[in-house]
N, C-alpha and C. Protein backbone atom coordinates (compact mmCIF):
# COMPACT_ATOMS: atom_id res chain seq x y z
N UNK A 1 22.04 -157.75 147.51
CA UNK A 1 21.09 -158.60 148.22
C UNK A 1 21.30 -160.05 147.80
N UNK A 2 20.77 -160.93 148.61
CA UNK A 2 20.92 -162.36 148.37
C UNK A 2 20.19 -162.81 147.12
N UNK A 3 20.67 -163.90 146.51
CA UNK A 3 20.02 -164.48 145.34
C UNK A 3 19.41 -165.84 145.66
N UNK A 4 19.44 -166.26 146.90
CA UNK A 4 18.79 -167.50 147.32
C UNK A 4 17.31 -167.41 146.94
N UNK A 5 16.77 -168.44 146.25
CA UNK A 5 15.37 -168.37 145.78
C UNK A 5 14.35 -168.08 146.89
N UNK A 6 14.59 -168.58 148.08
CA UNK A 6 13.66 -168.31 149.18
C UNK A 6 13.70 -166.84 149.57
N UNK A 7 14.89 -166.26 149.56
CA UNK A 7 15.02 -164.85 149.91
C UNK A 7 14.49 -163.96 148.78
N UNK A 8 14.65 -164.41 147.53
CA UNK A 8 14.11 -163.66 146.40
C UNK A 8 12.59 -163.58 146.52
N UNK A 9 11.94 -164.69 146.88
CA UNK A 9 10.48 -164.70 147.04
C UNK A 9 10.06 -163.76 148.17
N UNK A 10 10.81 -163.76 149.25
CA UNK A 10 10.50 -162.85 150.36
C UNK A 10 10.65 -161.40 149.90
N UNK A 11 11.73 -161.12 149.19
CA UNK A 11 11.96 -159.76 148.70
C UNK A 11 10.83 -159.32 147.77
N UNK A 12 10.38 -160.22 146.90
CA UNK A 12 9.28 -159.89 145.97
C UNK A 12 8.03 -159.49 146.76
N UNK A 13 7.76 -160.18 147.85
CA UNK A 13 6.61 -159.86 148.67
C UNK A 13 6.73 -158.55 149.42
N UNK A 14 7.94 -158.06 149.57
CA UNK A 14 8.16 -156.81 150.28
C UNK A 14 8.00 -155.57 149.40
N UNK A 15 7.93 -155.77 148.10
CA UNK A 15 7.88 -154.62 147.21
C UNK A 15 6.68 -153.72 147.49
N UNK A 16 5.50 -154.30 147.68
CA UNK A 16 4.31 -153.47 147.91
C UNK A 16 4.44 -152.59 149.14
N UNK A 17 4.76 -153.14 150.32
CA UNK A 17 4.86 -152.25 151.48
C UNK A 17 6.01 -151.25 151.35
N UNK A 18 7.07 -151.60 150.65
CA UNK A 18 8.17 -150.66 150.47
C UNK A 18 7.77 -149.50 149.56
N UNK A 19 6.98 -149.79 148.55
CA UNK A 19 6.49 -148.72 147.68
C UNK A 19 5.56 -147.81 148.47
N UNK A 20 4.69 -148.39 149.28
CA UNK A 20 3.82 -147.57 150.12
C UNK A 20 4.66 -146.68 151.04
N UNK A 21 5.70 -147.24 151.63
CA UNK A 21 6.57 -146.46 152.52
C UNK A 21 7.29 -145.35 151.75
N UNK A 22 7.63 -145.62 150.50
CA UNK A 22 8.36 -144.63 149.69
C UNK A 22 7.54 -143.39 149.41
N UNK A 23 6.22 -143.52 149.42
CA UNK A 23 5.37 -142.36 149.15
C UNK A 23 4.61 -141.91 150.40
N UNK A 24 5.03 -142.41 151.54
CA UNK A 24 4.36 -142.07 152.79
C UNK A 24 4.51 -140.60 153.17
N UNK A 25 5.72 -140.08 153.08
CA UNK A 25 5.94 -138.72 153.58
C UNK A 25 6.08 -137.67 152.48
N UNK A 26 6.18 -138.12 151.24
CA UNK A 26 6.26 -137.16 150.14
C UNK A 26 5.77 -137.79 148.85
N UNK A 27 5.19 -136.96 148.01
CA UNK A 27 4.75 -137.44 146.70
C UNK A 27 5.98 -137.70 145.85
N UNK A 28 5.92 -138.81 145.10
CA UNK A 28 7.04 -139.15 144.23
C UNK A 28 6.50 -139.72 142.93
N UNK A 29 7.25 -139.51 141.86
CA UNK A 29 6.90 -140.17 140.62
C UNK A 29 7.72 -141.46 140.53
N UNK A 30 7.39 -142.32 139.57
CA UNK A 30 7.93 -143.68 139.54
C UNK A 30 9.45 -143.73 139.59
N UNK A 31 10.13 -142.88 138.82
CA UNK A 31 11.59 -142.91 138.82
C UNK A 31 12.15 -142.56 140.20
N UNK A 32 11.49 -141.66 140.91
CA UNK A 32 11.94 -141.30 142.26
C UNK A 32 11.70 -142.46 143.24
N UNK A 33 10.60 -143.17 143.06
CA UNK A 33 10.33 -144.34 143.90
C UNK A 33 11.42 -145.38 143.69
N UNK A 34 11.73 -145.67 142.42
CA UNK A 34 12.80 -146.63 142.11
C UNK A 34 14.12 -146.19 142.73
N UNK A 35 14.45 -144.91 142.59
CA UNK A 35 15.71 -144.40 143.14
C UNK A 35 15.74 -144.55 144.67
N UNK A 36 14.62 -144.28 145.34
CA UNK A 36 14.57 -144.41 146.80
C UNK A 36 14.76 -145.87 147.22
N UNK A 37 14.12 -146.78 146.49
CA UNK A 37 14.27 -148.20 146.81
C UNK A 37 15.72 -148.65 146.62
N UNK A 38 16.29 -148.26 145.50
CA UNK A 38 17.68 -148.66 145.21
C UNK A 38 18.65 -148.03 146.19
N UNK A 39 18.41 -146.77 146.55
CA UNK A 39 19.27 -146.10 147.52
C UNK A 39 19.24 -146.82 148.87
N UNK A 40 18.10 -147.37 149.21
CA UNK A 40 17.96 -148.12 150.46
C UNK A 40 18.53 -149.54 150.36
N UNK A 41 18.99 -149.92 149.14
CA UNK A 41 19.57 -151.25 148.97
C UNK A 41 18.60 -152.29 148.47
N UNK A 42 17.42 -151.88 148.04
CA UNK A 42 16.41 -152.81 147.55
C UNK A 42 16.43 -152.81 146.02
N UNK A 43 16.74 -153.96 145.41
CA UNK A 43 16.88 -154.02 143.95
C UNK A 43 15.54 -154.11 143.23
N UNK A 44 14.93 -152.99 142.97
CA UNK A 44 13.64 -152.95 142.29
C UNK A 44 13.84 -152.69 140.80
N UNK A 45 12.92 -153.20 140.00
CA UNK A 45 12.96 -153.04 138.55
C UNK A 45 11.72 -152.29 138.08
N UNK A 46 11.89 -151.48 137.03
CA UNK A 46 10.76 -150.76 136.46
C UNK A 46 9.64 -151.70 136.06
N UNK A 47 9.99 -152.85 135.51
CA UNK A 47 9.00 -153.81 135.03
C UNK A 47 8.08 -154.33 136.12
N UNK A 48 8.53 -154.29 137.36
CA UNK A 48 7.68 -154.71 138.49
C UNK A 48 6.96 -153.52 139.11
N UNK A 49 7.58 -152.35 139.03
CA UNK A 49 7.02 -151.19 139.72
C UNK A 49 5.75 -150.65 139.06
N UNK A 50 5.77 -150.48 137.75
CA UNK A 50 4.63 -149.86 137.07
C UNK A 50 3.33 -150.65 137.23
N UNK A 51 3.35 -151.98 137.05
CA UNK A 51 2.10 -152.73 137.30
C UNK A 51 1.66 -152.64 138.76
N UNK A 52 2.63 -152.63 139.68
CA UNK A 52 2.27 -152.53 141.10
C UNK A 52 1.63 -151.19 141.41
N UNK A 53 2.16 -150.11 140.86
CA UNK A 53 1.55 -148.79 141.08
C UNK A 53 0.11 -148.75 140.56
N UNK A 54 -0.13 -149.37 139.42
CA UNK A 54 -1.50 -149.44 138.88
C UNK A 54 -2.41 -150.23 139.81
N UNK A 55 -1.90 -151.34 140.33
CA UNK A 55 -2.68 -152.17 141.26
C UNK A 55 -2.98 -151.40 142.55
N UNK A 56 -1.98 -150.72 143.09
CA UNK A 56 -2.18 -149.95 144.32
C UNK A 56 -3.21 -148.85 144.12
N UNK A 57 -3.20 -148.24 142.94
CA UNK A 57 -4.20 -147.21 142.63
C UNK A 57 -5.59 -147.82 142.53
N UNK A 58 -5.71 -148.95 141.83
CA UNK A 58 -7.02 -149.62 141.72
C UNK A 58 -7.55 -150.06 143.08
N UNK A 59 -6.63 -150.47 143.97
CA UNK A 59 -7.02 -150.91 145.31
C UNK A 59 -7.29 -149.74 146.26
N UNK A 60 -7.08 -148.52 145.79
CA UNK A 60 -7.36 -147.35 146.61
C UNK A 60 -6.30 -147.04 147.65
N UNK A 61 -5.09 -147.59 147.48
CA UNK A 61 -4.03 -147.38 148.47
C UNK A 61 -3.15 -146.17 148.15
N UNK A 62 -3.10 -145.81 146.87
CA UNK A 62 -2.39 -144.60 146.46
C UNK A 62 -3.27 -143.83 145.48
N UNK A 63 -2.99 -142.56 145.35
CA UNK A 63 -3.62 -141.78 144.29
C UNK A 63 -2.51 -141.01 143.61
N UNK A 64 -2.82 -140.46 142.47
CA UNK A 64 -1.79 -139.72 141.75
C UNK A 64 -2.34 -138.40 141.23
N UNK A 65 -1.42 -137.53 140.96
CA UNK A 65 -1.77 -136.28 140.30
C UNK A 65 -0.69 -136.01 139.25
N UNK A 66 -1.13 -135.44 138.16
CA UNK A 66 -0.20 -135.09 137.08
C UNK A 66 0.42 -133.74 137.38
N UNK A 67 1.74 -133.63 137.15
CA UNK A 67 2.44 -132.36 137.29
C UNK A 67 3.34 -132.16 136.08
N UNK A 68 3.43 -130.92 135.68
CA UNK A 68 4.35 -130.59 134.59
C UNK A 68 5.78 -130.86 135.04
N UNK A 69 6.58 -131.28 134.10
CA UNK A 69 7.99 -131.52 134.37
C UNK A 69 8.83 -130.48 133.64
N UNK A 70 9.85 -129.95 134.29
CA UNK A 70 10.70 -128.96 133.61
C UNK A 70 11.55 -129.59 132.51
N UNK A 71 11.66 -130.92 132.52
CA UNK A 71 12.56 -131.57 131.58
C UNK A 71 11.88 -132.60 130.69
N UNK A 72 10.59 -132.46 130.43
CA UNK A 72 9.91 -133.41 129.57
C UNK A 72 8.41 -133.40 129.77
N UNK A 73 7.79 -134.55 129.49
CA UNK A 73 6.34 -134.63 129.61
C UNK A 73 5.89 -134.58 131.07
N UNK A 74 4.59 -134.34 131.31
CA UNK A 74 4.08 -134.35 132.69
C UNK A 74 4.36 -135.68 133.37
N UNK A 75 4.47 -135.63 134.68
CA UNK A 75 4.75 -136.83 135.47
C UNK A 75 3.60 -137.10 136.42
N UNK A 76 3.40 -138.39 136.70
CA UNK A 76 2.38 -138.83 137.63
C UNK A 76 3.03 -138.96 139.01
N UNK A 77 2.62 -138.12 139.95
CA UNK A 77 3.15 -138.17 141.31
C UNK A 77 2.18 -138.94 142.20
N UNK A 78 2.71 -139.90 142.94
CA UNK A 78 1.91 -140.78 143.79
C UNK A 78 2.03 -140.39 145.25
N UNK A 79 0.93 -140.58 145.98
CA UNK A 79 0.92 -140.39 147.43
C UNK A 79 -0.07 -141.38 148.04
N UNK A 80 0.06 -141.57 149.34
CA UNK A 80 -0.82 -142.52 150.04
C UNK A 80 -2.21 -141.94 150.26
N UNK A 81 -3.19 -142.82 150.19
CA UNK A 81 -4.54 -142.49 150.63
C UNK A 81 -4.64 -142.88 152.11
N UNK A 82 -5.75 -142.59 152.73
CA UNK A 82 -5.95 -143.04 154.11
C UNK A 82 -5.91 -144.56 154.19
N UNK A 83 -6.49 -145.22 153.19
CA UNK A 83 -6.45 -146.69 153.17
C UNK A 83 -5.02 -147.18 153.02
N UNK A 84 -4.22 -146.49 152.24
CA UNK A 84 -2.81 -146.85 152.07
C UNK A 84 -2.03 -146.69 153.37
N UNK A 85 -2.34 -145.62 154.11
CA UNK A 85 -1.69 -145.43 155.41
C UNK A 85 -2.06 -146.56 156.37
N UNK A 86 -3.32 -146.95 156.33
CA UNK A 86 -3.75 -148.07 157.18
C UNK A 86 -3.08 -149.37 156.80
N UNK A 87 -2.96 -149.62 155.50
CA UNK A 87 -2.30 -150.84 155.02
C UNK A 87 -0.83 -150.85 155.43
N UNK A 88 -0.16 -149.73 155.30
CA UNK A 88 1.24 -149.65 155.68
C UNK A 88 1.41 -149.85 157.19
N UNK A 89 0.53 -149.26 157.98
CA UNK A 89 0.58 -149.44 159.44
C UNK A 89 0.36 -150.90 159.80
N UNK A 90 -0.58 -151.56 159.13
CA UNK A 90 -0.84 -152.98 159.39
C UNK A 90 0.38 -153.82 159.04
N UNK A 91 1.01 -153.51 157.92
CA UNK A 91 2.21 -154.24 157.55
C UNK A 91 3.31 -154.05 158.59
N UNK A 92 3.52 -152.82 159.02
CA UNK A 92 4.57 -152.57 160.01
C UNK A 92 4.31 -153.32 161.31
N UNK A 93 3.05 -153.36 161.74
CA UNK A 93 2.71 -154.11 162.95
C UNK A 93 2.99 -155.59 162.79
N UNK A 94 2.61 -156.14 161.63
CA UNK A 94 2.84 -157.55 161.37
C UNK A 94 4.33 -157.84 161.27
N UNK A 95 5.06 -156.95 160.63
CA UNK A 95 6.51 -157.12 160.50
C UNK A 95 7.17 -157.14 161.89
N UNK A 96 6.72 -156.26 162.77
CA UNK A 96 7.26 -156.24 164.13
C UNK A 96 6.99 -157.58 164.84
N UNK A 97 5.79 -158.13 164.64
CA UNK A 97 5.48 -159.44 165.24
C UNK A 97 6.39 -160.52 164.69
N UNK A 98 6.57 -160.55 163.39
CA UNK A 98 7.44 -161.55 162.77
C UNK A 98 8.88 -161.41 163.26
N UNK A 99 9.35 -160.18 163.34
CA UNK A 99 10.71 -159.94 163.81
C UNK A 99 10.86 -160.45 165.24
N UNK A 100 9.87 -160.19 166.07
CA UNK A 100 9.91 -160.68 167.46
C UNK A 100 9.99 -162.21 167.50
N UNK A 101 9.19 -162.87 166.69
CA UNK A 101 9.21 -164.34 166.66
C UNK A 101 10.57 -164.85 166.22
N UNK A 102 11.10 -164.28 165.14
CA UNK A 102 12.41 -164.72 164.63
C UNK A 102 13.49 -164.50 165.67
N UNK A 103 13.44 -163.37 166.36
CA UNK A 103 14.47 -163.04 167.35
C UNK A 103 14.37 -163.89 168.62
N UNK A 104 13.19 -164.37 168.96
CA UNK A 104 13.04 -165.06 170.24
C UNK A 104 12.96 -166.59 170.12
N UNK A 105 12.54 -167.10 168.99
CA UNK A 105 12.39 -168.55 168.89
C UNK A 105 13.76 -169.23 168.90
N UNK A 106 13.86 -170.27 169.68
CA UNK A 106 15.09 -171.04 169.72
C UNK A 106 16.19 -170.46 170.57
N UNK A 107 15.93 -169.34 171.22
CA UNK A 107 16.99 -168.78 172.06
C UNK A 107 16.85 -169.21 173.47
């Protein structure tokens, strides 16, 4: 991904909706969320993800449940709440509007 400071700021702002999207269709624990983001080409860091997951939980956008892990301590699996689904839908609608503006302005 680009390292231009303006694009870095934009990318930082995208982390929240991307995390919501990562847990939209399946419950995931933090390492799985990071892997999904990286697999999609989004350079996410653990240091940014854990505080964001706590914030999303406090805001009522995700909830978690503890599950035993076959390879270590229990893991916290995250999924969207109804409010989280609404927030993600609102973001997608706004993103579509922005994309339309970018694609049509100046042409």
